[in-house]
Amino acid sequence: MPVYRAPMRSRRDDVDPTLATVRALRLGVVGIGGHLAVAPGSLAEALAATYDEHGERAAARLRRFAEVGAGAQVWTRDDDGLFRVGVLTGGWRYDVDDEAWAADLVHVRDCAWSAPADVVPAAVLATFARGGRNFQQVRALP
């Protein structure tokens, strides 16, 4: 099963970088940002609106996020900098809650998060060390 990095940091610099991770861990979700003017009723609507409002690259990121299979492993860092691993348990949905909007974590999927990890694979560490805000697949896992 593939493994993914989920930094859950907004691409917007005016959003507190800890809000999304704190919310995601509390609610048992993983997500990405990208507010839409009108809440979409389906993934197809979300992809079209994302393309129109944020461009082709943002729509491609959303599609990749939504298409990851349930059971995939995701890694994030909590607000204390500790690594947490989760397993995707649900499909894409658009979160219309005001807190989701404030954290810019509106495209979400259910995720079963663990306690902070004692051991983190080297490839996960390397992926986070490169920085960035994208949800992306971790390569070169043993």
C-alpha atoms as a PDB file:
ATOM      1  CA  MET A   1       0.000   0.000   0.000  1.00  0.00           C
ATOM      2  CA  PRO A   2       1.365   3.459  -0.868  1.00  0.00           C
ATOM      3  CA  VAL A   3       2.497   5.890   1.828  1.00  0.00           C
ATOM      4  CA  TYR A   4       1.842   9.636   1.711  1.00  0.00           C
ATOM      5  CA  ARG A   5       3.102  12.804   3.345  1.00  0.00           C
ATOM      6  CA  ALA A   6       0.278  15.035   4.579  1.00  0.00           C
ATOM      7  CA  PRO A   7       1.704  18.282   5.958  1.00  0.00           C
ATOM      8  CA  MET A   8      -1.793  19.833   6.103  1.00  0.00           C
ATOM      9  CA  ARG A   9      -0.406  23.353   5.808  1.00  0.00           C
ATOM     10  CA  SER A  10      -2.396  25.859   3.846  1.00  0.00           C
ATOM     11  CA  ARG A  11      -0.855  27.235   0.696  1.00  0.00           C
ATOM     12  CA  ARG A  12      -2.068  30.606   2.012  1.00  0.00           C
ATOM     13  CA  ASP A  13       0.508  32.394   4.171  1.00  0.00           C
ATOM     14  CA  ASP A  14      -2.198  34.168   6.199  1.00  0.00           C
ATOM     15  CA  VAL A  15      -3.419  30.874   7.734  1.00  0.00           C
ATOM     16  CA  ASP A  16      -1.892  29.699  11.028  1.00  0.00           C
ATOM     17  CA  PRO A  17       0.067  26.550  10.054  1.00  0.00           C
ATOM     18  CA  THR A  18      -1.005  24.622  13.180  1.00  0.00           C
ATOM     19  CA  LEU A  19      -4.774  25.047  12.809  1.00  0.00           C
ATOM     20  CA  ALA A  20      -5.287  22.362  10.180  1.00  0.00           C
ATOM     21  CA  THR A  21      -3.240  19.650  11.862  1.00  0.00           C
ATOM     22  CA  VAL A  22      -4.809  20.241  15.271  1.00  0.00           C
ATOM     23  CA  ARG A  23      -8.286  20.079  13.718  1.00  0.00           C
ATOM     24  CA  ALA A  24      -7.493  17.040  11.577  1.00  0.00           C
ATOM     25  CA  LEU A  25      -6.093  15.006  14.463  1.00  0.00           C
ATOM     26  CA  ARG A  26      -9.010  15.974  16.726  1.00  0.00           C
ATOM     27  CA  LEU A  27     -11.653  15.031  14.138  1.00  0.00           C
ATOM     28  CA  GLY A  28      -9.909  12.026  12.579  1.00  0.00           C
ATOM     29  CA  VAL A  29      -9.469  13.450   9.103  1.00  0.00           C
ATOM     30  CA  VAL A  30      -6.667  14.265   6.699  1.00  0.00           C
ATOM     31  CA  GLY A  31      -7.012  17.020   4.155  1.00  0.00           C
ATOM     32  CA  ILE A  32      -5.857  19.749   1.855  1.00  0.00           C
ATOM     33  CA  GLY A  33      -6.896  23.337   1.362  1.00  0.00           C
ATOM     34  CA  GLY A  34      -8.529  25.237  -1.423  1.00  0.00           C
ATOM     35  CA  HIS A  35     -11.658  27.161  -0.445  1.00  0.00           C
ATOM     36  CA  LEU A  36     -14.353  27.247  -3.084  1.00  0.00           C
ATOM     37  CA  ALA A  37     -16.899  30.039  -3.573  1.00  0.00           C
ATOM     38  CA  VAL A  38     -19.761  27.527  -3.493  1.00  0.00           C
ATOM     39  CA  ALA A  39     -19.598  24.246  -1.580  1.00  0.00           C
ATOM     40  CA  PRO A  40     -19.507  21.420  -4.122  1.00  0.00           C
ATOM     41  CA  GLY A  41     -21.952  18.538  -3.929  1.00  0.00           C
ATOM     42  CA  SER A  42     -19.632  16.045  -5.572  1.00  0.00           C
ATOM     43  CA  LEU A  43     -15.998  15.471  -6.374  1.00  0.00           C
ATOM     44  CA  ALA A  44     -16.685  16.290 -10.025  1.00  0.00           C
ATOM     45  CA  GLU A  45     -18.110  19.680  -8.993  1.00  0.00           C
ATOM     46  CA  ALA A  46     -15.148  20.262  -6.664  1.00  0.00           C
ATOM     47  CA  LEU A  47     -12.649  19.466  -9.412  1.00  0.00           C
ATOM     48  CA  ALA A  48     -14.371  21.801 -11.880  1.00  0.00           C
ATOM     49  CA  ALA A  49     -14.642  24.625  -9.337  1.00  0.00           C
ATOM     50  CA  THR A  50     -11.036  24.135  -8.203  1.00  0.00           C
ATOM     51  CA  TYR A  51      -9.868  24.315 -11.810  1.00  0.00           C
ATOM     52  CA  ASP A  52     -11.865  27.531 -12.374  1.00  0.00           C
ATOM     53  CA  GLU A  53     -10.891  29.223  -9.095  1.00  0.00           C
ATOM     54  CA  HIS A  54      -7.370  27.944  -8.429  1.00  0.00           C
ATOM     55  CA  GLY A  55      -6.081  26.548 -11.710  1.00  0.00           C
ATOM     56  CA  GLU A  56      -5.121  23.292 -13.339  1.00  0.00           C
ATOM     57  CA  ARG A  57      -2.349  22.375 -10.878  1.00  0.00           C
ATOM     58  CA  ALA A  58      -4.626  22.770  -7.857  1.00  0.00           C
ATOM     59  CA  ALA A  59      -7.301  20.648  -9.523  1.00  0.00           C
ATOM     60  CA  ALA A  60      -4.700  17.955 -10.267  1.00  0.00           C
ATOM     61  CA  ARG A  61      -3.585  17.988  -6.604  1.00  0.00           C
ATOM     62  CA  LEU A  62      -7.188  17.590  -5.481  1.00  0.00           C
ATOM     63  CA  ARG A  63      -7.763  14.707  -7.906  1.00  0.00           C
ATOM     64  CA  ARG A  64      -4.638  12.886  -6.674  1.00  0.00           C
ATOM     65  CA  PHE A  65      -5.698  13.379  -3.041  1.00  0.00           C
ATOM     66  CA  ALA A  66      -9.222  12.109  -3.697  1.00  0.00           C
ATOM     67  CA  GLU A  67      -8.067   9.078  -5.696  1.00  0.00           C
ATOM     68  CA  VAL A  68      -5.741   7.614  -3.055  1.00  0.00           C
ATOM     69  CA  GLY A  69      -7.139   4.251  -1.997  1.00  0.00           C
ATOM     70  CA  ALA A  70      -8.643   3.599   1.408  1.00  0.00           C
ATOM     71  CA  GLY A  71      -6.135   1.803   3.588  1.00  0.00           C
ATOM     72  CA  ALA A  72      -3.228   3.964   2.428  1.00  0.00           C
ATOM     73  CA  GLN A  73      -0.891   5.173   5.139  1.00  0.00           C
ATOM     74  CA  VAL A  74      -0.422   8.918   5.686  1.00  0.00           C
ATOM     75  CA  TRP A  75       2.120  10.754   7.823  1.00  0.00           C
ATOM     76  CA  THR A  76       1.890  14.218   9.327  1.00  0.00           C
ATOM     77  CA  ARG A  77       3.552  16.242  12.062  1.00  0.00           C
ATOM     78  CA  ASP A  78       1.505  17.507  14.980  1.00  0.00           C
ATOM     79  CA  ASP A  79       1.781  20.962  16.515  1.00  0.00           C
ATOM     80  CA  ASP A  80       4.572  19.671  18.790  1.00  0.00           C
ATOM     81  CA  GLY A  81       6.580  18.527  15.746  1.00  0.00           C
ATOM     82  CA  LEU A  82       5.985  14.833  16.476  1.00  0.00           C
ATOM     83  CA  PHE A  83       5.265  12.462  13.605  1.00  0.00           C
ATOM     84  CA  ARG A  84       1.859  10.807  13.455  1.00  0.00           C
ATOM     85  CA  VAL A  85       0.814   8.021  11.113  1.00  0.00           C
ATOM     86  CA  GLY A  86      -2.743   7.420  10.001  1.00  0.00           C
ATOM     87  CA  VAL A  87      -4.708   5.143   7.728  1.00  0.00           C
ATOM     88  CA  LEU A  88      -7.255   6.503   5.231  1.00  0.00           C
ATOM     89  CA  THR A  89     -10.677   5.107   6.059  1.00  0.00           C
ATOM     90  CA  GLY A  90     -13.021   7.179   3.932  1.00  0.00           C
ATOM     91  CA  GLY A  91     -13.544   8.992   0.688  1.00  0.00           C
ATOM     92  CA  TRP A  92     -13.329  12.674  -0.231  1.00  0.00           C
ATOM     93  CA  ARG A  93     -15.796  15.228   1.093  1.00  0.00           C
ATOM     94  CA  TYR A  94     -15.910  19.027   1.284  1.00  0.00           C
ATOM     95  CA  ASP A  95     -16.044  20.346   4.845  1.00  0.00           C
ATOM     96  CA  VAL A  96     -18.203  23.477   5.112  1.00  0.00           C
ATOM     97  CA  ASP A  97     -17.585  24.081   8.828  1.00  0.00           C
ATOM     98  CA  ASP A  98     -16.297  27.546   9.771  1.00  0.00           C
ATOM     99  CA  GLU A  99     -13.258  25.973  11.488  1.00  0.00           C
ATOM    100  CA  ALA A 100     -12.419  24.065   8.303  1.00  0.00           C
ATOM    101  CA  TRP A 101     -12.576  27.335   6.385  1.00  0.00           C
ATOM    102  CA  ALA A 102     -10.375  29.137   8.950  1.00  0.00           C
ATOM    103  CA  ALA A 103      -7.792  26.320   8.845  1.00  0.00           C
ATOM    104  CA  ASP A 104      -8.047  26.028   5.041  1.00  0.00           C
ATOM    105  CA  LEU A 105      -8.636  22.294   5.412  1.00  0.00           C
ATOM    106  CA  VAL A 106     -11.803  21.926   3.387  1.00  0.00           C
ATOM    107  CA  HIS A 107     -11.079  18.880   1.209  1.00  0.00           C
ATOM    108  CA  VAL A 108     -10.970  16.032   3.723  1.00  0.00           C
ATOM    109  CA  ARG A 109     -11.061  12.267   4.125  1.00  0.00           C
ATOM    110  CA  ASP A 110     -11.577  10.194   7.256  1.00  0.00           C
ATOM    111  CA  CYS A 111      -8.303   8.983   8.734  1.00  0.00           C
ATOM    112  CA  ALA A 112      -7.506   6.845  11.787  1.00  0.00           C
ATOM    113  CA  TRP A 113      -4.549   8.588  13.445  1.00  0.00           C
ATOM    114  CA  SER A 114      -2.133   6.920  15.861  1.00  0.00           C
ATOM    115  CA  ALA A 115      -0.351   8.324  18.875  1.00  0.00           C
ATOM    116  CA  PRO A 116       3.000   9.981  18.089  1.00  0.00           C
ATOM    117  CA  ALA A 117       5.289   7.504  16.344  1.00  0.00           C
ATOM    118  CA  ASP A 118       8.371   6.097  18.079  1.00  0.00           C
ATOM    119  CA  VAL A 119       9.954   5.101  14.768  1.00  0.00           C
ATOM    120  CA  VAL A 120       9.644   7.046  11.511  1.00  0.00           C
ATOM    121  CA  PRO A 121      10.827   5.534   8.210  1.00  0.00           C
ATOM    122  CA  ALA A 122      13.843   7.297   6.702  1.00  0.00           C
ATOM    123  CA  ALA A 123      11.938   8.017   3.474  1.00  0.00           C
ATOM    124  CA  VAL A 124       9.197   9.805   5.459  1.00  0.00           C
ATOM    125  CA  LEU A 125      11.808  11.872   7.298  1.00  0.00           C
ATOM    126  CA  ALA A 126      13.460  12.773   3.986  1.00  0.00           C
ATOM    127  CA  THR A 127      10.164  13.774   2.399  1.00  0.00           C
ATOM    128  CA  PHE A 128       9.323  16.112   5.278  1.00  0.00           C
ATOM    129  CA  ALA A 129      12.884  17.484   5.369  1.00  0.00           C
ATOM    130  CA  ARG A 130      12.485  18.728   1.784  1.00  0.00           C
ATOM    131  CA  GLY A 131       9.688  20.969   3.007  1.00  0.00           C
ATOM    132  CA  GLY A 132       6.633  21.986   1.064  1.00  0.00           C
ATOM    133  CA  ARG A 133       2.920  21.971   1.608  1.00  0.00           C
ATOM    134  CA  ASN A 134       1.745  19.312  -0.849  1.00  0.00           C
ATOM    135  CA  PHE A 135       0.090  16.038  -0.022  1.00  0.00           C
ATOM    136  CA  GLN A 136       2.401  13.668  -1.866  1.00  0.00           C
ATOM    137  CA  GLN A 137       3.463  10.061  -2.132  1.00  0.00           C
ATOM    138  CA  VAL A 138       6.544   9.027  -0.188  1.00  0.00           C
ATOM    139  CA  ARG A 139       9.010   7.173  -2.403  1.00  0.00           C
ATOM    140  CA  ALA A 140      11.805   4.692  -1.634  1.00  0.00           C
ATOM    141  CA  LEU A 141      10.244   2.940   1.346  1.00  0.00           C
ATOM    142  CA  PRO A 142      11.798  -0.442   2.112  1.00  0.00           C
END
